[in-house]
């Protein structure tokens, strides 16, 4: 309930006990890890680097001890150790793209054959909710321009592309936006546009070569406007359809977990043949101005 007596709608992960804070973050991450690596022997886990994406340091009400304690707590819960290169990435919604850049380096420089990227986050603590409520950023009866807060744990395992059908990450791009949501400056989507252009160059393709988009947008008009502006500045050939998917409509605003969630949504859509096409653009935007884009393509052997 907020300060005005209104109920705050949210998406929550039910667990067997009412854990909160770092304990819940660790358990959500552990659940996602065990599901992702269910067919990999625990003996091999110690050769896999774990890149753990958590909330950015500027997040209001951020849980303490994320960098120095969470990774050890997750490994304790899964009763396994990961490779020495394992690290916490406190970059919020763009964390997964940064993790993928590190994973690319690990894999192609021969440090690892696979890398596990995990995101765990929760906005369902009063220190966080209070600030977003005061800034009128939560969805409620008298505010349609807001998001539903949520929480999630998600994980994806990445490695070198095999010969058989697989979703491949072909381009990655990062940039910064000066006119971020709290800046009060005119928005031109310069940061997201640059991130998309970098990812397209990395993938050696054009925007019109892709078939649909998946975004971390969770309901606020600012981010819908940014996505529309970035599309208008990068799409040079008309497309009859170019869908924009936003998984937050199902799980709420899940912070740093949304990157692995988007990758999982893309993989499921391609594997189960309901994706509009094989070329996918993923993009994410953090409140502090960081922007990320990923170009994916599903290749059939």
Protein backbone atom coordinates (compact mmCIF):
# COMPACT_ATOMS: atom_id res chain seq x y z
CA UNK A 1 0.00 0.00 0.00
CA UNK A 2 1.37 3.43 -0.92
CA UNK A 3 1.42 6.59 1.16
CA UNK A 4 -2.03 7.58 -0.16
CA UNK A 5 -3.66 4.34 0.97
CA UNK A 6 -3.89 2.80 -2.52
CA UNK A 7 -2.89 -0.80 -3.13
CA UNK A 8 0.19 -1.24 -5.31
CA UNK A 9 -0.31 -3.96 -7.90
CA UNK A 10 2.77 -6.15 -8.34
CA UNK A 11 4.10 -9.42 -9.72
CA UNK A 12 5.71 -11.59 -7.05
CA UNK A 13 7.57 -14.89 -7.08
CA UNK A 14 5.98 -17.20 -4.46
CA UNK A 15 8.47 -19.22 -2.43
CA UNK A 16 8.02 -21.68 0.41
CA UNK A 17 9.01 -19.01 2.94
CA UNK A 18 8.49 -15.21 2.90
CA UNK A 19 12.12 -14.38 2.15
CA UNK A 20 13.00 -10.80 1.26
CA UNK A 21 16.06 -8.86 0.19
CA UNK A 22 19.26 -10.67 -0.71
CA UNK A 23 17.95 -14.02 0.50
CA UNK A 24 15.17 -13.97 -2.07
CA UNK A 25 17.45 -12.73 -4.85
CA UNK A 26 19.81 -15.63 -4.18
CA UNK A 27 17.00 -18.18 -4.19
CA UNK A 28 15.45 -16.90 -7.43
CA UNK A 29 18.88 -17.05 -9.08
CA UNK A 30 19.50 -20.56 -7.74
CA UNK A 31 16.16 -21.81 -9.07
CA UNK A 32 16.92 -20.43 -12.54
CA UNK A 33 20.44 -21.89 -12.53
CA UNK A 34 19.30 -25.37 -11.55
CA UNK A 35 16.64 -25.38 -14.27
CA UNK A 36 19.10 -24.16 -16.92
CA UNK A 37 21.84 -26.66 -16.01
CA UNK A 38 19.60 -29.61 -15.20
CA UNK A 39 21.27 -31.82 -17.81
CA UNK A 40 24.84 -30.72 -16.99
CA UNK A 41 26.68 -32.63 -14.28
CA UNK A 42 27.57 -30.51 -11.26
CA UNK A 43 31.19 -31.56 -11.67
CA UNK A 44 31.26 -29.54 -14.89
CA UNK A 45 29.70 -26.45 -13.31
CA UNK A 46 33.08 -25.44 -11.88
CA UNK A 47 34.36 -24.89 -15.44
CA UNK A 48 31.49 -22.52 -16.33
CA UNK A 49 31.87 -18.79 -15.50
CA UNK A 50 28.77 -17.34 -13.84
CA UNK A 51 27.99 -13.74 -14.77
CA UNK A 52 25.43 -12.55 -12.23
CA UNK A 53 23.46 -9.46 -13.29
CA UNK A 54 22.02 -7.36 -10.45
CA UNK A 55 20.54 -3.91 -9.89
CA UNK A 56 22.54 -0.84 -10.80
CA UNK A 57 24.16 1.08 -7.92
CA UNK A 58 21.87 4.07 -8.49
CA UNK A 59 18.70 2.00 -7.92
CA UNK A 60 16.57 3.51 -5.13
CA UNK A 61 16.43 1.20 -2.10
CA UNK A 62 19.05 -1.14 -3.56
CA UNK A 63 19.72 -4.26 -1.50
CA UNK A 64 23.08 -4.20 0.29
CA UNK A 65 25.82 -6.74 -0.25
CA UNK A 66 25.09 -7.58 -3.88
CA UNK A 67 28.68 -7.32 -5.10
CA UNK A 68 30.48 -8.91 -2.17
CA UNK A 69 28.03 -11.53 -0.86
CA UNK A 70 25.35 -12.54 -3.38
CA UNK A 71 27.56 -14.67 -5.65
CA UNK A 72 28.81 -16.76 -2.72
CA UNK A 73 25.26 -17.18 -1.41
CA UNK A 74 24.02 -18.39 -4.79
CA UNK A 75 26.83 -20.95 -5.04
CA UNK A 76 26.05 -22.13 -1.53
CA UNK A 77 22.37 -22.64 -2.40
CA UNK A 78 23.13 -24.69 -5.53
CA UNK A 79 25.87 -26.60 -3.66
CA UNK A 80 28.36 -26.00 -6.44
CA UNK A 81 31.19 -23.65 -7.38
CA UNK A 82 31.56 -21.92 -10.71
CA UNK A 83 34.70 -20.90 -12.60
CA UNK A 84 37.07 -18.32 -11.04
CA UNK A 85 36.08 -15.82 -13.76
CA UNK A 86 32.58 -15.60 -12.21
CA UNK A 87 31.60 -12.05 -11.35
CA UNK A 88 28.69 -9.82 -10.38
CA UNK A 89 27.61 -7.23 -12.98
CA UNK A 90 25.71 -4.35 -11.29
CA UNK A 91 24.35 -2.74 -14.46
CA UNK A 92 20.59 -3.13 -14.16
CA UNK A 93 18.57 -3.74 -17.30
CA UNK A 94 21.58 -3.52 -19.64
CA UNK A 95 23.58 -6.03 -17.57
CA UNK A 96 22.84 -8.99 -19.85
CA UNK A 97 24.36 -7.25 -22.88
CA UNK A 98 27.50 -6.44 -20.90
CA UNK A 99 27.60 -10.05 -19.71
CA UNK A 100 27.32 -11.28 -23.31
CA UNK A 101 30.32 -9.16 -24.30
CA UNK A 102 32.32 -10.79 -21.50
CA UNK A 103 31.02 -14.23 -22.45
CA UNK A 104 32.15 -13.68 -26.04
CA UNK A 105 35.62 -12.87 -24.78
CA UNK A 106 35.73 -15.90 -22.45
CA UNK A 107 34.54 -18.32 -25.12
CA UNK A 108 36.52 -17.16 -28.15
CA UNK A 109 39.75 -16.61 -26.21
CA UNK A 110 39.51 -20.17 -24.92
CA UNK A 111 38.90 -19.43 -21.24
CA UNK A 112 35.61 -21.37 -21.24
CA UNK A 113 33.48 -23.45 -23.58
CA UNK A 114 30.24 -22.00 -22.15
CA UNK A 115 29.16 -19.13 -19.91
CA UNK A 116 26.11 -18.87 -17.68
CA UNK A 117 24.37 -15.48 -17.60
CA UNK A 118 21.96 -15.00 -14.70
CA UNK A 119 19.78 -12.05 -13.74
CA UNK A 120 18.04 -11.69 -10.39
CA UNK A 121 16.21 -8.62 -9.16
CA UNK A 122 13.25 -7.37 -7.17
CA UNK A 123 11.56 -4.00 -6.92
CA UNK A 124 9.20 -5.23 -4.21
CA UNK A 125 10.77 -3.55 -1.19
CA UNK A 126 9.30 -0.46 0.39
CA UNK A 127 12.48 1.68 0.09
CA UNK A 128 12.33 1.10 -3.67
CA UNK A 129 8.56 1.34 -4.08
CA UNK A 130 8.37 4.52 -2.00
CA UNK A 131 10.74 6.41 -4.30
CA UNK A 132 9.03 5.28 -7.51
CA UNK A 133 5.65 6.07 -5.96
CA UNK A 134 6.79 9.58 -5.04
CA UNK A 135 8.02 10.07 -8.61
CA UNK A 136 4.60 8.92 -9.93
CA UNK A 137 6.19 6.07 -11.87
CA UNK A 138 4.04 3.22 -10.57
CA UNK A 139 0.90 2.13 -12.41
CA UNK A 140 -2.18 2.87 -10.34
CA UNK A 141 -5.78 3.98 -10.78
CA UNK A 142 -4.94 7.66 -11.29
CA UNK A 143 -1.66 7.13 -13.15
CA UNK A 144 -1.69 5.22 -16.43
CA UNK A 145 1.88 6.32 -17.22
CA UNK A 146 3.60 3.86 -14.92
CA UNK A 147 4.85 0.30 -14.51
CA UNK A 148 3.85 -2.70 -12.42
CA UNK A 149 6.80 -3.59 -10.16
CA UNK A 150 7.92 -7.19 -10.18
CA UNK A 151 10.76 -9.57 -9.46
CA UNK A 152 12.38 -12.48 -11.26
CA UNK A 153 15.31 -14.81 -11.62
CA UNK A 154 16.38 -15.89 -15.10
CA UNK A 155 19.35 -17.69 -16.64
CA UNK A 156 20.71 -18.56 -20.08
CA UNK A 157 23.69 -20.71 -21.06
CA UNK A 158 25.70 -19.48 -24.04
CA UNK A 159 28.53 -21.10 -25.99
CA UNK A 160 29.92 -21.38 -29.50
CA UNK A 161 27.17 -22.07 -32.06
CA UNK A 162 26.75 -25.78 -32.81
CA UNK A 163 26.08 -27.21 -36.27
CA UNK A 164 22.42 -27.89 -35.55
CA UNK A 165 19.58 -25.35 -35.33
CA UNK A 166 20.29 -22.71 -32.74
CA UNK A 167 19.58 -19.11 -31.78
CA UNK A 168 22.76 -17.11 -32.36
CA UNK A 169 23.77 -13.76 -30.92
CA UNK A 170 25.31 -11.99 -33.90
CA UNK A 171 25.59 -8.38 -32.77
CA UNK A 172 25.98 -6.42 -29.55
CA UNK A 173 25.92 -2.67 -28.99
CA UNK A 174 26.18 -0.35 -25.98
CA UNK A 175 25.75 3.42 -25.73
CA UNK A 176 24.68 6.16 -23.33
CA UNK A 177 21.67 8.50 -23.42
CA UNK A 178 22.05 12.00 -21.99
CA UNK A 179 18.30 12.67 -22.04
CA UNK A 180 17.47 9.80 -19.69
CA UNK A 181 14.13 9.57 -17.92
CA UNK A 182 15.13 11.82 -15.00
CA UNK A 183 17.19 14.32 -17.01
CA UNK A 184 14.33 16.60 -18.03
CA UNK A 185 15.86 17.12 -21.48
CA UNK A 186 14.25 16.65 -24.92
CA UNK A 187 14.39 13.00 -25.98
CA UNK A 188 15.79 12.13 -29.40
CA UNK A 189 16.77 8.52 -28.57
CA UNK A 190 20.40 9.21 -29.48
CA UNK A 191 21.72 6.59 -27.08
CA UNK A 192 19.42 3.74 -28.12
CA UNK A 193 19.90 4.64 -31.79
CA UNK A 194 23.69 4.40 -31.41
CA UNK A 195 23.44 1.10 -29.54
CA UNK A 196 21.24 -0.38 -32.29
CA UNK A 197 23.55 0.90 -35.03
CA UNK A 198 26.59 -0.64 -33.31
CA UNK A 199 24.79 -3.97 -32.92
CA UNK A 200 23.69 -3.94 -36.58
CA UNK A 201 27.26 -3.25 -37.73
CA UNK A 202 28.52 -6.03 -35.48
CA UNK A 203 25.99 -8.41 -37.06
CA UNK A 204 26.69 -7.08 -40.58
CA UNK A 205 23.03 -6.47 -41.36
CA UNK A 206 20.46 -3.68 -41.62
CA UNK A 207 17.38 -2.99 -39.54
CA UNK A 208 15.04 -4.09 -42.33
CA UNK A 209 16.75 -7.51 -42.36
CA UNK A 210 15.23 -8.24 -38.95
CA UNK A 211 11.71 -9.52 -38.31
CA UNK A 212 10.62 -8.36 -34.84
CA UNK A 213 11.79 -6.69 -31.65
CA UNK A 214 11.80 -7.59 -27.97
CA UNK A 215 12.23 -4.81 -25.43
CA UNK A 216 12.42 -4.25 -21.67
CA UNK A 217 9.62 -1.64 -21.90
CA UNK A 218 7.36 -2.00 -18.86
CA UNK A 219 4.65 0.59 -19.47
CA UNK A 220 6.06 4.10 -19.22
CA UNK A 221 5.48 6.47 -22.14
CA UNK A 222 9.09 7.67 -22.13
CA UNK A 223 10.42 4.25 -23.14
CA UNK A 224 7.72 3.64 -25.77
CA UNK A 225 8.60 7.02 -27.29
CA UNK A 226 12.30 6.16 -27.20
CA UNK A 227 11.71 2.86 -29.00
CA UNK A 228 9.60 4.57 -31.67
CA UNK A 229 12.21 7.31 -32.25
CA UNK A 230 15.06 4.80 -32.44
CA UNK A 231 13.11 2.73 -34.98
CA UNK A 232 12.40 5.79 -37.15
CA UNK A 233 16.11 6.63 -37.17
CA UNK A 234 17.40 3.14 -38.01
CA UNK A 235 14.80 1.59 -40.34
CA UNK A 236 15.53 2.68 -43.92
CA UNK A 237 13.16 0.40 -45.80
CA UNK A 238 9.46 0.17 -45.10
CA UNK A 239 8.23 -3.01 -43.41
CA UNK A 240 4.58 -3.97 -43.34
CA UNK A 241 4.96 -5.40 -39.84
CA UNK A 242 7.68 -5.07 -37.21
CA UNK A 243 6.27 -6.35 -33.92
CA UNK A 244 7.47 -5.07 -30.57
CA UNK A 245 7.24 -7.61 -27.75
CA UNK A 246 7.64 -6.60 -24.11
CA UNK A 247 7.74 -9.51 -21.63
CA UNK A 248 7.19 -7.09 -18.73
CA UNK A 249 3.48 -7.19 -19.54
CA UNK A 250 3.54 -10.73 -18.12
CA UNK A 251 6.10 -10.45 -15.29
CA UNK A 252 6.17 -6.74 -14.43
CA UNK A 253 9.24 -4.52 -14.20
CA UNK A 254 11.92 -7.06 -13.25
CA UNK A 255 15.03 -4.89 -13.43
CA UNK A 256 18.27 -6.70 -14.20
CA UNK A 257 16.49 -10.03 -14.77
CA UNK A 258 14.84 -8.75 -17.95
CA UNK A 259 17.89 -9.36 -20.17
CA UNK A 260 18.00 -13.14 -19.69
CA UNK A 261 14.18 -13.13 -19.81
CA UNK A 262 14.22 -11.52 -23.28
CA UNK A 263 16.80 -14.04 -24.49
CA UNK A 264 14.66 -16.89 -23.16
CA UNK A 265 11.53 -15.48 -24.83
CA UNK A 266 13.37 -15.20 -28.16
CA UNK A 267 14.72 -18.74 -27.89
CA UNK A 268 11.32 -20.21 -27.04
CA UNK A 269 9.59 -18.31 -29.87
CA UNK A 270 12.08 -19.62 -32.42
CA UNK A 271 12.23 -23.16 -31.11
CA UNK A 272 8.42 -23.47 -30.97
CA UNK A 273 7.97 -21.76 -34.38
CA UNK A 274 5.73 -18.86 -33.38
CA UNK A 275 8.33 -16.13 -33.99
CA UNK A 276 7.47 -13.77 -36.89
CA UNK A 277 10.85 -14.57 -38.43
CA UNK A 278 14.46 -15.58 -37.68
CA UNK A 279 15.92 -12.08 -37.22
CA UNK A 280 15.40 -10.43 -33.83
CA UNK A 281 16.43 -7.14 -32.23
CA UNK A 282 16.55 -6.97 -28.44
CA UNK A 283 17.04 -3.61 -26.75
CA UNK A 284 17.07 -2.36 -23.19
CA UNK A 285 17.34 1.01 -21.45
CA UNK A 286 18.34 1.79 -17.89
CA UNK A 287 17.05 4.76 -15.92
CA UNK A 288 20.57 6.19 -15.58
CA UNK A 289 21.04 6.44 -19.37
CA UNK A 290 22.77 3.18 -20.30
CA UNK A 291 21.46 1.62 -23.52
CA UNK A 292 22.02 -1.82 -25.04
CA UNK A 293 21.02 -3.65 -28.22
CA UNK A 294 21.43 -7.26 -29.34
CA UNK A 295 20.90 -8.75 -32.80
CA UNK A 296 19.86 -12.42 -32.80
CA UNK A 297 19.22 -14.83 -35.63
CA UNK A 298 17.78 -18.31 -35.57
CA UNK A 299 19.67 -20.49 -38.02
CA UNK A 300 18.36 -23.85 -39.12
CA UNK A 301 20.93 -26.49 -40.11
